[in-house]
Amino acid sequence: MADGYRESEQSWSALLLHVKHRGLTVDPKLATGDGALGFWAALRKVFPKTREQRCWVHKSGNVLDQLPKRLQPQALDKLHQI
């Protein structure tokens, strides 16, 4: 855990480089995140071989937020079937 500025690429880069300098010698196989663009940009620079995966909870929430409230329960059921 580290202080950062608004989840910026600079803050994420500093955190990821700190982890690397503390002894992480291979790129992680997978990184899961909430969609913060700074994280993905920093990850691609610091650990270019790491695969990216969007957090399903955050992704579902973003999809549901675009729908009228009356359609959200049905949409959530359909998302769970995927």
PDB file of N, CA and C in Angstrom:
ATOM      1  N   MET A   1       0.843  -1.156   0.000  1.00  0.00           N
ATOM      2  CA  MET A   1       0.000   0.000   0.000  1.00  0.00           C
ATOM      3  C   MET A   1       0.896   1.229   0.000  1.00  0.00           C
ATOM      4  N   ALA A   2       0.469   2.227  -0.792  1.00  0.00           N
ATOM      5  CA  ALA A   2       1.250   3.455  -0.883  1.00  0.00           C
ATOM      6  C   ALA A   2       0.329   4.613  -1.227  1.00  0.00           C
ATOM      7  N   ASP A   3       0.727   5.799  -0.796  1.00  0.00           N
ATOM      8  CA  ASP A   3      -0.012   6.995  -1.173  1.00  0.00           C
ATOM      9  C   ASP A   3       0.175   7.243  -2.660  1.00  0.00           C
ATOM     10  N   GLY A   4      -0.857   7.764  -3.289  1.00  0.00           N
ATOM     11  CA  GLY A   4      -0.758   8.111  -4.696  1.00  0.00           C
ATOM     12  C   GLY A   4      -1.640   9.305  -4.972  1.00  0.00           C
ATOM     13  N   TYR A   5      -1.531   9.822  -6.172  1.00  0.00           N
ATOM     14  CA  TYR A   5      -2.338  10.973  -6.554  1.00  0.00           C
ATOM     15  C   TYR A   5      -3.391  10.544  -7.564  1.00  0.00           C
ATOM     16  N   ARG A   6      -4.613  10.426  -7.127  1.00  0.00           N
ATOM     17  CA  ARG A   6      -5.780  10.200  -7.968  1.00  0.00           C
ATOM     18  C   ARG A   6      -5.625   9.046  -8.961  1.00  0.00           C
ATOM     19  N   GLU A   7      -4.979   8.006  -8.570  1.00  0.00           N
ATOM     20  CA  GLU A   7      -4.792   6.831  -9.410  1.00  0.00           C
ATOM     21  C   GLU A   7      -4.166   7.169 -10.756  1.00  0.00           C
ATOM     22  N   SER A   8      -3.236   8.087 -10.764  1.00  0.00           N
ATOM     23  CA  SER A   8      -2.575   8.513 -11.997  1.00  0.00           C
ATOM     24  C   SER A   8      -1.578   7.455 -12.468  1.00  0.00           C
ATOM     25  N   GLU A   9      -1.210   7.553 -13.732  1.00  0.00           N
ATOM     26  CA  GLU A   9      -0.191   6.656 -14.266  1.00  0.00           C
ATOM     27  C   GLU A   9       1.109   6.806 -13.489  1.00  0.00           C
ATOM     28  N   GLN A  10       1.443   8.034 -13.128  1.00  0.00           N
ATOM     29  CA  GLN A  10       2.676   8.288 -12.383  1.00  0.00           C
ATOM     30  C   GLN A  10       2.650   7.584 -11.022  1.00  0.00           C
ATOM     31  N   SER A  11       1.523   7.656 -10.316  1.00  0.00           N
ATOM     32  CA  SER A  11       1.413   7.001  -9.008  1.00  0.00           C
ATOM     33  C   SER A  11       1.496   5.492  -9.139  1.00  0.00           C
ATOM     34  N   TRP A  12       0.798   4.944 -10.130  1.00  0.00           N
ATOM     35  CA  TRP A  12       0.834   3.495 -10.331  1.00  0.00           C
ATOM     36  C   TRP A  12       2.228   3.037 -10.754  1.00  0.00           C
ATOM     37  N   SER A  13       2.866   3.815 -11.613  1.00  0.00           N
ATOM     38  CA  SER A  13       4.228   3.446 -12.034  1.00  0.00           C
ATOM     39  C   SER A  13       5.170   3.396 -10.839  1.00  0.00           C
ATOM     40  N   ALA A  14       5.059   4.389  -9.968  1.00  0.00           N
ATOM     41  CA  ALA A  14       5.919   4.417  -8.777  1.00  0.00           C
ATOM     42  C   ALA A  14       5.680   3.179  -7.916  1.00  0.00           C
ATOM     43  N   LEU A  15       4.423   2.810  -7.723  1.00  0.00           N
ATOM     44  CA  LEU A  15       4.104   1.633  -6.913  1.00  0.00           C
ATOM     45  C   LEU A  15       4.627   0.354  -7.564  1.00  0.00           C
ATOM     46  N   LEU A  16       4.376   0.188  -8.861  1.00  0.00           N
ATOM     47  CA  LEU A  16       4.818  -1.026  -9.548  1.00  0.00           C
ATOM     48  C   LEU A  16       6.333  -1.126  -9.616  1.00  0.00           C
ATOM     49  N   LEU A  17       7.006  -0.001  -9.833  1.00  0.00           N
ATOM     50  CA  LEU A  17       8.474  -0.015  -9.835  1.00  0.00           C
ATOM     51  C   LEU A  17       9.024  -0.332  -8.447  1.00  0.00           C
ATOM     52  N   HIS A  18       8.357   0.156  -7.414  1.00  0.00           N
ATOM     53  CA  HIS A  18       8.768  -0.156  -6.044  1.00  0.00           C
ATOM     54  C   HIS A  18       8.666  -1.663  -5.786  1.00  0.00           C
ATOM     55  N   VAL A  19       7.589  -2.272  -6.238  1.00  0.00           N
ATOM     56  CA  VAL A  19       7.421  -3.726  -6.087  1.00  0.00           C
ATOM     57  C   VAL A  19       8.529  -4.458  -6.842  1.00  0.00           C
ATOM     58  N   LYS A  20       8.820  -3.988  -8.035  1.00  0.00           N
ATOM     59  CA  LYS A  20       9.872  -4.602  -8.839  1.00  0.00           C
ATOM     60  C   LYS A  20      11.231  -4.490  -8.145  1.00  0.00           C
ATOM     61  N   HIS A  21      11.523  -3.323  -7.613  1.00  0.00           N
ATOM     62  CA  HIS A  21      12.808  -3.107  -6.939  1.00  0.00           C
ATOM     63  C   HIS A  21      12.912  -3.857  -5.619  1.00  0.00           C
ATOM     64  N   ARG A  22      11.775  -4.231  -5.049  1.00  0.00           N
ATOM     65  CA  ARG A  22      11.784  -5.014  -3.809  1.00  0.00           C
ATOM     66  C   ARG A  22      11.989  -6.496  -4.070  1.00  0.00           C
ATOM     67  N   GLY A  23      12.066  -6.909  -5.351  1.00  0.00           N
ATOM     68  CA  GLY A  23      12.424  -8.297  -5.612  1.00  0.00           C
ATOM     69  C   GLY A  23      11.532  -9.066  -6.568  1.00  0.00           C
ATOM     70  N   LEU A  24      10.491  -8.461  -7.103  1.00  0.00           N
ATOM     71  CA  LEU A  24       9.665  -9.177  -8.078  1.00  0.00           C
ATOM     72  C   LEU A  24      10.455  -9.246  -9.381  1.00  0.00           C
ATOM     73  N   THR A  25      10.940 -10.439  -9.713  1.00  0.00           N
ATOM     74  CA  THR A  25      11.870 -10.577 -10.835  1.00  0.00           C
ATOM     75  C   THR A  25      11.206 -10.989 -12.142  1.00  0.00           C
ATOM     76  N   VAL A  26       9.970 -11.424 -12.104  1.00  0.00           N
ATOM     77  CA  VAL A  26       9.249 -11.801 -13.325  1.00  0.00           C
ATOM     78  C   VAL A  26       7.948 -11.009 -13.403  1.00  0.00           C
ATOM     79  N   ASP A  27       7.509 -10.763 -14.619  1.00  0.00           N
ATOM     80  CA  ASP A  27       6.232 -10.078 -14.789  1.00  0.00           C
ATOM     81  C   ASP A  27       5.110 -10.960 -14.259  1.00  0.00           C
ATOM     82  N   PRO A  28       4.163 -10.400 -13.524  1.00  0.00           N
ATOM     83  CA  PRO A  28       3.000 -11.199 -13.107  1.00  0.00           C
ATOM     84  C   PRO A  28       2.284 -11.729 -14.346  1.00  0.00           C
ATOM     85  N   LYS A  29       1.668 -12.885 -14.233  1.00  0.00           N
ATOM     86  CA  LYS A  29       0.946 -13.461 -15.368  1.00  0.00           C
ATOM     87  C   LYS A  29      -0.332 -12.692 -15.668  1.00  0.00           C
ATOM     88  N   LEU A  30      -1.010 -12.191 -14.610  1.00  0.00           N
ATOM     89  CA  LEU A  30      -2.300 -11.537 -14.791  1.00  0.00           C
ATOM     90  C   LEU A  30      -2.467 -10.417 -13.774  1.00  0.00           C
ATOM     91  N   ALA A  31      -3.038  -9.321 -14.228  1.00  0.00           N
ATOM     92  CA  ALA A  31      -3.393  -8.216 -13.329  1.00  0.00           C
ATOM     93  C   ALA A  31      -4.881  -7.940 -13.500  1.00  0.00           C
ATOM     94  N   THR A  32      -5.575  -7.811 -12.399  1.00  0.00           N
ATOM     95  CA  THR A  32      -7.001  -7.503 -12.421  1.00  0.00           C
ATOM     96  C   THR A  32      -7.196  -6.134 -11.804  1.00  0.00           C
ATOM     97  N   GLY A  33      -7.951  -5.286 -12.503  1.00  0.00           N
ATOM     98  CA  GLY A  33      -8.161  -3.935 -12.021  1.00  0.00           C
ATOM     99  C   GLY A  33      -9.563  -3.442 -12.293  1.00  0.00           C
ATOM    100  N   ASP A  34      -9.858  -2.275 -11.729  1.00  0.00           N
ATOM    101  CA  ASP A  34     -11.210  -1.730 -11.799  1.00  0.00           C
ATOM    102  C   ASP A  34     -11.442  -0.839 -13.006  1.00  0.00           C
ATOM    103  N   GLY A  35     -10.480  -0.687 -13.858  1.00  0.00           N
ATOM    104  CA  GLY A  35     -10.655   0.146 -15.038  1.00  0.00           C
ATOM    105  C   GLY A  35      -9.965   1.489 -14.948  1.00  0.00           C
ATOM    106  N   ALA A  36      -9.219   1.733 -13.877  1.00  0.00           N
ATOM    107  CA  ALA A  36      -8.479   2.984 -13.740  1.00  0.00           C
ATOM    108  C   ALA A  36      -7.420   3.042 -14.840  1.00  0.00           C
ATOM    109  N   LEU A  37      -7.528   4.005 -15.728  1.00  0.00           N
ATOM    110  CA  LEU A  37      -6.656   4.063 -16.897  1.00  0.00           C
ATOM    111  C   LEU A  37      -5.191   4.220 -16.524  1.00  0.00           C
ATOM    112  N   GLY A  38      -4.893   4.912 -15.442  1.00  0.00           N
ATOM    113  CA  GLY A  38      -3.517   5.076 -15.013  1.00  0.00           C
ATOM    114  C   GLY A  38      -2.864   3.754 -14.661  1.00  0.00           C
ATOM    115  N   PHE A  39      -3.624   2.850 -14.055  1.00  0.00           N
ATOM    116  CA  PHE A  39      -3.095   1.533 -13.698  1.00  0.00           C
ATOM    117  C   PHE A  39      -2.693   0.764 -14.949  1.00  0.00           C
ATOM    118  N   TRP A  40      -3.584   0.724 -15.935  1.00  0.00           N
ATOM    119  CA  TRP A  40      -3.300  -0.053 -17.138  1.00  0.00           C
ATOM    120  C   TRP A  40      -2.111   0.523 -17.896  1.00  0.00           C
ATOM    121  N   ALA A  41      -2.015   1.839 -17.982  1.00  0.00           N
ATOM    122  CA  ALA A  41      -0.894   2.468 -18.678  1.00  0.00           C
ATOM    123  C   ALA A  41       0.430   2.155 -17.980  1.00  0.00           C
ATOM    124  N   ALA A  42       0.443   2.253 -16.667  1.00  0.00           N
ATOM    125  CA  ALA A  42       1.663   1.965 -15.900  1.00  0.00           C
ATOM    126  C   ALA A  42       2.022   0.486 -16.000  1.00  0.00           C
ATOM    127  N   LEU A  43       1.043  -0.369 -15.913  1.00  0.00           N
ATOM    128  CA  LEU A  43       1.289  -1.812 -15.989  1.00  0.00           C
ATOM    129  C   LEU A  43       1.947  -2.174 -17.312  1.00  0.00           C
ATOM    130  N   ARG A  44       1.466  -1.604 -18.407  1.00  0.00           N
ATOM    131  CA  ARG A  44       2.030  -1.907 -19.742  1.00  0.00           C
ATOM    132  C   ARG A  44       3.490  -1.477 -19.842  1.00  0.00           C
ATOM    133  N   LYS A  45       3.860  -0.424 -19.139  1.00  0.00           N
ATOM    134  CA  LYS A  45       5.242   0.049 -19.188  1.00  0.00           C
ATOM    135  C   LYS A  45       6.153  -0.734 -18.254  1.00  0.00           C
ATOM    136  N   VAL A  46       5.673  -1.028 -17.047  1.00  0.00           N
ATOM    137  CA  VAL A  46       6.527  -1.672 -16.045  1.00  0.00           C
ATOM    138  C   VAL A  46       6.551  -3.191 -16.215  1.00  0.00           C
ATOM    139  N   PHE A  47       5.409  -3.785 -16.520  1.00  0.00           N
ATOM    140  CA  PHE A  47       5.304  -5.241 -16.704  1.00  0.00           C
ATOM    141  C   PHE A  47       4.614  -5.524 -18.045  1.00  0.00           C
ATOM    142  N   PRO A  48       5.320  -5.331 -19.150  1.00  0.00           N
ATOM    143  CA  PRO A  48       4.683  -5.428 -20.465  1.00  0.00           C
ATOM    144  C   PRO A  48       4.138  -6.808 -20.828  1.00  0.00           C
ATOM    145  N   LYS A  49       4.610  -7.855 -20.197  1.00  0.00           N
ATOM    146  CA  LYS A  49       4.135  -9.206 -20.524  1.00  0.00           C
ATOM    147  C   LYS A  49       2.883  -9.605 -19.739  1.00  0.00           C
ATOM    148  N   THR A  50       2.492  -8.800 -18.773  1.00  0.00           N
ATOM    149  CA  THR A  50       1.349  -9.129 -17.918  1.00  0.00           C
ATOM    150  C   THR A  50       0.038  -8.967 -18.685  1.00  0.00           C
ATOM    151  N   ARG A  51      -0.806  -9.979 -18.600  1.00  0.00           N
ATOM    152  CA  ARG A  51      -2.135  -9.910 -19.212  1.00  0.00           C
ATOM    153  C   ARG A  51      -3.063  -9.100 -18.317  1.00  0.00           C
ATOM    154  N   GLU A  52      -4.025  -8.446 -18.940  1.00  0.00           N
ATOM    155  CA  GLU A  52      -4.956  -7.582 -18.211  1.00  0.00           C
ATOM    156  C   GLU A  52      -6.346  -8.205 -18.162  1.00  0.00           C
ATOM    157  N   GLN A  53      -6.984  -8.029 -17.029  1.00  0.00           N
ATOM    158  CA  GLN A  53      -8.365  -8.512 -16.867  1.00  0.00           C
ATOM    159  C   GLN A  53      -9.151  -7.480 -16.079  1.00  0.00           C
ATOM    160  N   ARG A  54     -10.278  -7.096 -16.583  1.00  0.00           N
ATOM    161  CA  ARG A  54     -11.137  -6.128 -15.906  1.00  0.00           C
ATOM    162  C   ARG A  54     -11.891  -6.831 -14.782  1.00  0.00           C
ATOM    163  N   CYS A  55     -11.987  -6.205 -13.637  1.00  0.00           N
ATOM    164  CA  CYS A  55     -12.734  -6.745 -12.502  1.00  0.00           C
ATOM    165  C   CYS A  55     -14.198  -6.889 -12.901  1.00  0.00           C
ATOM    166  N   TRP A  56     -14.741  -8.082 -12.730  1.00  0.00           N
ATOM    167  CA  TRP A  56     -16.114  -8.376 -13.145  1.00  0.00           C
ATOM    168  C   TRP A  56     -17.130  -7.559 -12.343  1.00  0.00           C
ATOM    169  N   VAL A  57     -16.897  -7.351 -11.084  1.00  0.00           N
ATOM    170  CA  VAL A  57     -17.828  -6.577 -10.247  1.00  0.00           C
ATOM    171  C   VAL A  57     -17.904  -5.131 -10.744  1.00  0.00           C
ATOM    172  N   HIS A  58     -16.760  -4.530 -11.013  1.00  0.00           N
ATOM    173  CA  HIS A  58     -16.744  -3.152 -11.503  1.00  0.00           C
ATOM    174  C   HIS A  58     -17.340  -3.057 -12.910  1.00  0.00           C
ATOM    175  N   LYS A  59     -17.009  -4.004 -13.759  1.00  0.00           N
ATOM    176  CA  LYS A  59     -17.538  -4.007 -15.129  1.00  0.00           C
ATOM    177  C   LYS A  59     -19.055  -4.130 -15.110  1.00  0.00           C
ATOM    178  N   SER A  60     -19.580  -5.044 -14.314  1.00  0.00           N
ATOM    179  CA  SER A  60     -21.037  -5.227 -14.217  1.00  0.00           C
ATOM    180  C   SER A  60     -21.702  -3.954 -13.714  1.00  0.00           C
ATOM    181  N   GLY A  61     -21.115  -3.332 -12.716  1.00  0.00           N
ATOM    182  CA  GLY A  61     -21.660  -2.089 -12.180  1.00  0.00           C
ATOM    183  C   GLY A  61     -21.701  -0.986 -13.213  1.00  0.00           C
ATOM    184  N   ASN A  62     -20.638  -0.895 -14.035  1.00  0.00           N
ATOM    185  CA  ASN A  62     -20.614   0.118 -15.090  1.00  0.00           C
ATOM    186  C   ASN A  62     -21.693  -0.135 -16.139  1.00  0.00           C
ATOM    187  N   VAL A  63     -21.910  -1.392 -16.476  1.00  0.00           N
ATOM    188  CA  VAL A  63     -22.961  -1.734 -17.441  1.00  0.00           C
ATOM    189  C   VAL A  63     -24.328  -1.388 -16.867  1.00  0.00           C
ATOM    190  N   LEU A  64     -24.586  -1.799 -15.642  1.00  0.00           N
ATOM    191  CA  LEU A  64     -25.892  -1.557 -15.024  1.00  0.00           C
ATOM    192  C   LEU A  64     -26.179  -0.066 -14.857  1.00  0.00           C
ATOM    193  N   ASP A  65     -25.160   0.714 -14.589  1.00  0.00           N
ATOM    194  CA  ASP A  65     -25.346   2.163 -14.425  1.00  0.00           C
ATOM    195  C   ASP A  65     -25.863   2.840 -15.683  1.00  0.00           C
ATOM    196  N   GLN A  66     -25.685   2.197 -16.829  1.00  0.00           N
ATOM    197  CA  GLN A  66     -26.130   2.780 -18.096  1.00  0.00           C
ATOM    198  C   GLN A  66     -27.582   2.430 -18.419  1.00  0.00           C
ATOM    199  N   LEU A  67     -28.181   1.588 -17.603  1.00  0.00           N
ATOM    200  CA  LEU A  67     -29.557   1.133 -17.852  1.00  0.00           C
ATOM    201  C   LEU A  67     -30.531   1.798 -16.888  1.00  0.00           C
ATOM    202  N   PRO A  68     -31.794   1.909 -17.297  1.00  0.00           N
ATOM    203  CA  PRO A  68     -32.815   2.375 -16.358  1.00  0.00           C
ATOM    204  C   PRO A  68     -32.930   1.404 -15.178  1.00  0.00           C
ATOM    205  N   LYS A  69     -33.266   1.920 -14.018  1.00  0.00           N
ATOM    206  CA  LYS A  69     -33.347   1.094 -12.800  1.00  0.00           C
ATOM    207  C   LYS A  69     -34.258  -0.119 -12.992  1.00  0.00           C
ATOM    208  N   ARG A  70     -35.341   0.036 -13.721  1.00  0.00           N
ATOM    209  CA  ARG A  70     -36.310  -1.058 -13.888  1.00  0.00           C
ATOM    210  C   ARG A  70     -35.726  -2.235 -14.674  1.00  0.00           C
ATOM    211  N   LEU A  71     -34.705  -1.992 -15.496  1.00  0.00           N
ATOM    212  CA  LEU A  71     -34.108  -3.057 -16.303  1.00  0.00           C
ATOM    213  C   LEU A  71     -32.883  -3.693 -15.645  1.00  0.00           C
ATOM    214  N   GLN A  72     -32.381  -3.085 -14.587  1.00  0.00           N
ATOM    215  CA  GLN A  72     -31.144  -3.563 -13.979  1.00  0.00           C
ATOM    216  C   GLN A  72     -31.228  -4.982 -13.410  1.00  0.00           C
ATOM    217  N   PRO A  73     -32.301  -5.363 -12.683  1.00  0.00           N
ATOM    218  CA  PRO A  73     -32.333  -6.740 -12.166  1.00  0.00           C
ATOM    219  C   PRO A  73     -32.278  -7.798 -13.269  1.00  0.00           C
ATOM    220  N   GLN A  74     -33.015  -7.582 -14.347  1.00  0.00           N
ATOM    221  CA  GLN A  74     -33.017  -8.535 -15.458  1.00  0.00           C
ATOM    222  C   GLN A  74     -31.641  -8.573 -16.134  1.00  0.00           C
ATOM    223  N   ALA A  75     -31.034  -7.423 -16.314  1.00  0.00           N
ATOM    224  CA  ALA A  75     -29.711  -7.364 -16.935  1.00  0.00           C
ATOM    225  C   ALA A  75     -28.667  -8.058 -16.062  1.00  0.00           C
ATOM    226  N   LEU A  76     -28.767  -7.864 -14.756  1.00  0.00           N
ATOM    227  CA  LEU A  76     -27.826  -8.519 -13.850  1.00  0.00           C
ATOM    228  C   LEU A  76     -27.950 -10.033 -13.930  1.00  0.00           C
ATOM    229  N   ASP A  77     -29.186 -10.530 -13.998  1.00  0.00           N
ATOM    230  CA  ASP A  77     -29.385 -11.973 -14.171  1.00  0.00           C
ATOM    231  C   ASP A  77     -28.719 -12.470 -15.439  1.00  0.00           C
ATOM    232  N   LYS A  78     -28.877 -11.715 -16.521  1.00  0.00           N
ATOM    233  CA  LYS A  78     -28.268 -12.127 -17.790  1.00  0.00           C
ATOM    234  C   LYS A  78     -26.743 -12.070 -17.732  1.00  0.00           C
ATOM    235  N   LEU A  79     -26.209 -11.061 -17.056  1.00  0.00           N
ATOM    236  CA  LEU A  79     -24.758 -10.984 -16.905  1.00  0.00           C
ATOM    237  C   LEU A  79     -24.216 -12.183 -16.112  1.00  0.00           C
ATOM    238  N   HIS A  80     -24.952 -12.635 -15.132  1.00  0.00           N
ATOM    239  CA  HIS A  80     -24.515 -13.775 -14.332  1.00  0.00           C
ATOM    240  C   HIS A  80     -24.535 -15.079 -15.131  1.00  0.00           C
ATOM    241  N   GLN A  81     -25.305 -15.112 -16.202  1.00  0.00           N
ATOM    242  CA  GLN A  81     -25.391 -16.316 -17.026  1.00  0.00           C
ATOM    243  C   GLN A  81     -24.203 -16.438 -17.998  1.00  0.00           C
ATOM    244  N   ILE A  82     -23.486 -15.325 -18.188  1.00  0.00           N
ATOM    245  CA  ILE A  82     -22.355 -15.334 -19.139  1.00  0.00           C
ATOM    246  C   ILE A  82     -21.219 -16.154 -18.594  1.00  0.00           C
TER     247      ILE A  82
END
